[in-house]
Amino acid sequence: MSDNLFYFFRKVPEEAPVYNFSSAVVKPVTTGEIREMAQKVDAEYPLDNMMMEPLGILTSSLTFLLIGTLILHMIPAILIDTALRLSGRKPM
């Protein structure tokens, strides 16, 4: 897994789109509207080989964020990687 992270952070695209989500007087956008836009993009351009649907959970609680990360990311990743290793395949 650390090899994948190293490759991810080392790889720099030549051009990357920049999105500026900030408060503005000209055309204010709420977090709910941003979530709706993301769901529309997800429906139009679905990701391949997903384990689960993307969730748009927004929180200001660090505790909730850490618990959600543990439950929705870390535990499933450990279980899936363990199952793959036990079956003789390469973990994700």
N, C-alpha and C. Protein backbone atom coordinates (compact mmCIF):
# COMPACT_ATOMS: atom_id res chain seq x y z
N MET A 1 0.82 -1.20 0.00
CA MET A 1 0.00 0.00 0.00
C MET A 1 0.86 1.26 0.00
N SER A 2 1.96 1.25 0.74
CA SER A 2 2.81 2.44 0.79
C SER A 2 3.43 2.74 -0.58
N ASP A 3 3.65 1.69 -1.38
CA ASP A 3 4.17 1.92 -2.74
C ASP A 3 3.16 2.69 -3.57
N ASN A 4 1.88 2.34 -3.42
CA ASN A 4 0.83 3.05 -4.16
C ASN A 4 0.75 4.50 -3.75
N LEU A 5 0.84 4.76 -2.44
CA LEU A 5 0.80 6.14 -1.97
C LEU A 5 1.99 6.94 -2.48
N PHE A 6 3.16 6.31 -2.48
CA PHE A 6 4.35 7.00 -2.98
C PHE A 6 4.16 7.37 -4.44
N TYR A 7 3.66 6.41 -5.25
CA TYR A 7 3.43 6.68 -6.66
C TYR A 7 2.39 7.77 -6.85
N PHE A 8 1.32 7.73 -6.05
CA PHE A 8 0.25 8.73 -6.17
C PHE A 8 0.77 10.13 -5.91
N PHE A 9 1.55 10.32 -4.85
CA PHE A 9 2.03 11.65 -4.50
C PHE A 9 3.19 12.09 -5.38
N ARG A 10 3.89 11.15 -6.00
CA ARG A 10 5.01 11.48 -6.87
C ARG A 10 4.52 11.91 -8.24
N LYS A 11 3.40 11.34 -8.68
CA LYS A 11 2.88 11.60 -10.02
C LYS A 11 2.22 12.99 -10.05
N VAL A 12 2.72 13.86 -10.89
CA VAL A 12 2.19 15.21 -11.00
C VAL A 12 1.65 15.42 -12.41
N PRO A 13 0.36 15.71 -12.54
CA PRO A 13 -0.19 15.92 -13.88
C PRO A 13 0.32 17.22 -14.48
N GLU A 14 0.37 17.25 -15.81
CA GLU A 14 0.81 18.48 -16.48
C GLU A 14 -0.20 19.60 -16.30
N GLU A 15 -1.49 19.26 -16.41
CA GLU A 15 -2.54 20.24 -16.19
C GLU A 15 -3.57 19.63 -15.26
N ALA A 16 -4.04 20.41 -14.33
CA ALA A 16 -5.06 19.93 -13.40
C ALA A 16 -6.14 21.00 -13.27
N PRO A 17 -7.40 20.58 -13.29
CA PRO A 17 -8.46 21.57 -13.09
C PRO A 17 -8.43 22.09 -11.66
N VAL A 18 -8.73 23.36 -11.52
CA VAL A 18 -8.75 23.99 -10.20
C VAL A 18 -10.16 24.46 -9.93
N TYR A 19 -10.71 24.02 -8.81
CA TYR A 19 -12.05 24.42 -8.42
C TYR A 19 -11.94 25.28 -7.17
N ASN A 20 -12.58 26.42 -7.18
CA ASN A 20 -12.53 27.32 -6.04
C ASN A 20 -13.90 27.37 -5.40
N PHE A 21 -14.05 26.68 -4.28
CA PHE A 21 -15.29 26.71 -3.53
C PHE A 21 -15.08 27.64 -2.34
N SER A 22 -15.65 28.81 -2.43
CA SER A 22 -15.51 29.78 -1.35
C SER A 22 -16.78 30.61 -1.27
N SER A 23 -16.87 31.35 -0.21
CA SER A 23 -18.04 32.22 -0.10
C SER A 23 -17.86 33.39 -1.06
N ALA A 24 -18.96 33.77 -1.67
CA ALA A 24 -18.89 34.86 -2.62
C ALA A 24 -20.21 35.62 -2.60
N VAL A 25 -20.15 36.87 -2.95
CA VAL A 25 -21.34 37.70 -3.03
C VAL A 25 -21.97 37.58 -4.41
N VAL A 26 -21.15 37.34 -5.42
CA VAL A 26 -21.63 37.31 -6.80
C VAL A 26 -22.56 36.12 -7.04
N LYS A 27 -22.11 34.93 -6.70
CA LYS A 27 -22.91 33.72 -6.90
C LYS A 27 -22.62 32.75 -5.76
N PRO A 28 -23.27 32.93 -4.63
CA PRO A 28 -22.99 32.06 -3.49
C PRO A 28 -23.45 30.62 -3.76
N VAL A 29 -22.68 29.66 -3.26
CA VAL A 29 -22.99 28.25 -3.43
C VAL A 29 -22.97 27.61 -2.04
N THR A 30 -24.03 26.87 -1.72
CA THR A 30 -24.08 26.20 -0.43
C THR A 30 -23.42 24.83 -0.53
N THR A 31 -23.10 24.23 0.61
CA THR A 31 -22.50 22.89 0.59
C THR A 31 -23.50 21.87 0.06
N GLY A 32 -24.78 22.09 0.28
CA GLY A 32 -25.79 21.21 -0.28
C GLY A 32 -25.79 21.24 -1.79
N GLU A 33 -25.62 22.43 -2.38
CA GLU A 33 -25.55 22.57 -3.83
C GLU A 33 -24.29 21.90 -4.38
N ILE A 34 -23.19 22.01 -3.65
CA ILE A 34 -21.96 21.35 -4.07
C ILE A 34 -22.16 19.84 -4.07
N ARG A 35 -22.83 19.32 -3.04
CA ARG A 35 -23.11 17.89 -2.96
C ARG A 35 -23.98 17.45 -4.15
N GLU A 36 -25.00 18.24 -4.48
CA GLU A 36 -25.87 17.91 -5.62
C GLU A 36 -25.09 17.91 -6.93
N MET A 37 -24.19 18.88 -7.10
CA MET A 37 -23.37 18.93 -8.31
C MET A 37 -22.48 17.69 -8.40
N ALA A 38 -21.91 17.29 -7.27
CA ALA A 38 -21.05 16.11 -7.25
C ALA A 38 -21.84 14.86 -7.59
N GLN A 39 -23.07 14.75 -7.11
CA GLN A 39 -23.90 13.59 -7.42
C GLN A 39 -24.26 13.55 -8.91
N LYS A 40 -24.49 14.71 -9.51
CA LYS A 40 -24.77 14.76 -10.95
C LYS A 40 -23.55 14.32 -11.76
N VAL A 41 -22.38 14.79 -11.36
CA VAL A 41 -21.15 14.40 -12.05
C VAL A 41 -20.92 12.91 -11.89
N ASP A 42 -21.17 12.39 -10.69
CA ASP A 42 -21.00 10.96 -10.43
C ASP A 42 -21.95 10.13 -11.29
N ALA A 43 -23.19 10.61 -11.47
CA ALA A 43 -24.15 9.89 -12.30
C ALA A 43 -23.76 9.94 -13.78
N GLU A 44 -23.19 11.07 -14.21
CA GLU A 44 -22.82 11.22 -15.61
C GLU A 44 -21.52 10.49 -15.94
N TYR A 45 -20.57 10.49 -15.01
CA TYR A 45 -19.27 9.85 -15.22
C TYR A 45 -18.99 8.88 -14.08
N PRO A 46 -19.63 7.71 -14.08
CA PRO A 46 -19.44 6.77 -12.97
C PRO A 46 -18.03 6.21 -12.94
N LEU A 47 -17.57 5.91 -11.75
CA LEU A 47 -16.25 5.32 -11.57
C LEU A 47 -16.31 3.82 -11.81
N ASP A 48 -15.23 3.24 -12.30
CA ASP A 48 -15.18 1.80 -12.55
C ASP A 48 -14.69 1.06 -11.31
N ASN A 49 -15.15 -0.16 -11.16
CA ASN A 49 -14.68 -1.07 -10.11
C ASN A 49 -14.78 -0.49 -8.70
N MET A 50 -15.90 0.12 -8.41
CA MET A 50 -16.08 0.71 -7.08
C MET A 50 -16.56 -0.37 -6.11
N MET A 51 -16.11 -0.30 -4.88
CA MET A 51 -16.57 -1.21 -3.84
C MET A 51 -17.89 -0.71 -3.25
N MET A 52 -18.07 0.61 -3.20
CA MET A 52 -19.29 1.19 -2.66
C MET A 52 -19.52 2.55 -3.30
N GLU A 53 -20.74 3.03 -3.21
CA GLU A 53 -21.08 4.34 -3.78
C GLU A 53 -20.40 5.46 -2.98
N PRO A 54 -20.02 6.54 -3.65
CA PRO A 54 -19.45 7.68 -2.92
C PRO A 54 -20.50 8.29 -1.99
N LEU A 55 -20.05 8.67 -0.81
CA LEU A 55 -20.93 9.31 0.15
C LEU A 55 -20.50 10.77 0.30
N GLY A 56 -21.46 11.63 0.41
CA GLY A 56 -21.16 13.05 0.61
C GLY A 56 -21.47 13.46 2.03
N ILE A 57 -20.73 12.94 2.97
CA ILE A 57 -20.97 13.25 4.38
C ILE A 57 -20.12 14.45 4.76
N LEU A 58 -20.76 15.51 5.16
CA LEU A 58 -20.06 16.72 5.59
C LEU A 58 -20.24 16.87 7.09
N THR A 59 -19.16 17.12 7.79
CA THR A 59 -19.24 17.28 9.23
C THR A 59 -18.20 18.27 9.71
N SER A 60 -18.51 18.92 10.79
CA SER A 60 -17.52 19.80 11.42
C SER A 60 -16.91 19.14 12.64
N SER A 61 -17.33 17.90 12.92
CA SER A 61 -16.84 17.17 14.09
C SER A 61 -15.66 16.29 13.71
N LEU A 62 -14.51 16.55 14.30
CA LEU A 62 -13.32 15.73 14.04
C LEU A 62 -13.55 14.30 14.52
N THR A 63 -14.23 14.14 15.64
CA THR A 63 -14.51 12.80 16.17
C THR A 63 -15.35 12.00 15.18
N PHE A 64 -16.41 12.60 14.66
CA PHE A 64 -17.27 11.93 13.68
C PHE A 64 -16.48 11.59 12.42
N LEU A 65 -15.63 12.50 11.99
CA LEU A 65 -14.80 12.26 10.81
C LEU A 65 -13.89 11.05 11.02
N LEU A 66 -13.23 10.99 12.17
CA LEU A 66 -12.32 9.88 12.45
C LEU A 66 -13.06 8.55 12.57
N ILE A 67 -14.20 8.55 13.24
CA ILE A 67 -15.00 7.33 13.36
C ILE A 67 -15.51 6.88 11.99
N GLY A 68 -15.99 7.83 11.19
CA GLY A 68 -16.45 7.50 9.84
C GLY A 68 -15.34 6.96 8.97
N THR A 69 -14.15 7.54 9.08
CA THR A 69 -13.00 7.07 8.31
C THR A 69 -12.65 5.65 8.71
N LEU A 70 -12.69 5.38 9.99
CA LEU A 70 -12.38 4.04 10.49
C LEU A 70 -13.41 3.03 9.99
N ILE A 71 -14.69 3.35 10.13
CA ILE A 71 -15.76 2.42 9.77
C ILE A 71 -15.91 2.27 8.25
N LEU A 72 -15.85 3.36 7.52
CA LEU A 72 -16.13 3.31 6.08
C LEU A 72 -14.90 3.06 5.20
N HIS A 73 -13.68 3.26 5.75
CA HIS A 73 -12.48 3.11 4.92
C HIS A 73 -11.51 2.07 5.46
N MET A 74 -11.08 2.26 6.70
CA MET A 74 -10.00 1.43 7.23
C MET A 74 -10.43 -0.02 7.45
N ILE A 75 -11.54 -0.23 8.15
CA ILE A 75 -11.97 -1.60 8.44
C ILE A 75 -12.29 -2.37 7.15
N PRO A 76 -13.08 -1.80 6.22
CA PRO A 76 -13.30 -2.55 4.96
C PRO A 76 -12.00 -2.83 4.20
N ALA A 77 -11.07 -1.88 4.18
CA ALA A 77 -9.81 -2.10 3.48
C ALA A 77 -9.01 -3.23 4.10
N ILE A 78 -8.96 -3.27 5.42
CA ILE A 78 -8.22 -4.33 6.11
C ILE A 78 -8.88 -5.68 5.84
N LEU A 79 -10.21 -5.75 5.91
CA LEU A 79 -10.91 -7.00 5.68
C LEU A 79 -10.73 -7.50 4.24
N ILE A 80 -10.84 -6.60 3.28
CA ILE A 80 -10.69 -6.99 1.87
C ILE A 80 -9.26 -7.41 1.58
N ASP A 81 -8.29 -6.65 2.06
CA ASP A 81 -6.89 -7.02 1.83
C ASP A 81 -6.56 -8.36 2.49
N THR A 82 -7.09 -8.59 3.68
CA THR A 82 -6.85 -9.86 4.37
C THR A 82 -7.46 -11.02 3.58
N ALA A 83 -8.70 -10.84 3.10
CA ALA A 83 -9.34 -11.89 2.31
C ALA A 83 -8.55 -12.16 1.03
N LEU A 84 -8.06 -11.12 0.38
CA LEU A 84 -7.27 -11.31 -0.84
C LEU A 84 -5.97 -12.04 -0.54
N ARG A 85 -5.30 -11.67 0.54
CA ARG A 85 -4.04 -12.35 0.90
C ARG A 85 -4.30 -13.82 1.23
N LEU A 86 -5.37 -14.10 1.96
CA LEU A 86 -5.68 -15.49 2.32
C LEU A 86 -6.02 -16.32 1.08
N SER A 87 -6.56 -15.68 0.06
CA SER A 87 -6.89 -16.41 -1.17
C SER A 87 -5.71 -16.47 -2.14
N GLY A 88 -4.57 -15.90 -1.74
CA GLY A 88 -3.37 -15.98 -2.57
C GLY A 88 -3.26 -14.90 -3.62
N ARG A 89 -4.11 -13.90 -3.54
CA ARG A 89 -4.06 -12.81 -4.51
C ARG A 89 -3.41 -11.57 -3.91
N LYS A 90 -3.05 -10.65 -4.78
CA LYS A 90 -2.38 -9.42 -4.36
C LYS A 90 -3.42 -8.46 -3.77
N PRO A 91 -3.13 -7.87 -2.60
CA PRO A 91 -4.05 -6.90 -2.01
C PRO A 91 -4.13 -5.64 -2.85
N MET A 92 -5.22 -4.90 -2.68
CA MET A 92 -5.44 -3.71 -3.49
C MET A 92 -4.50 -2.61 -3.12
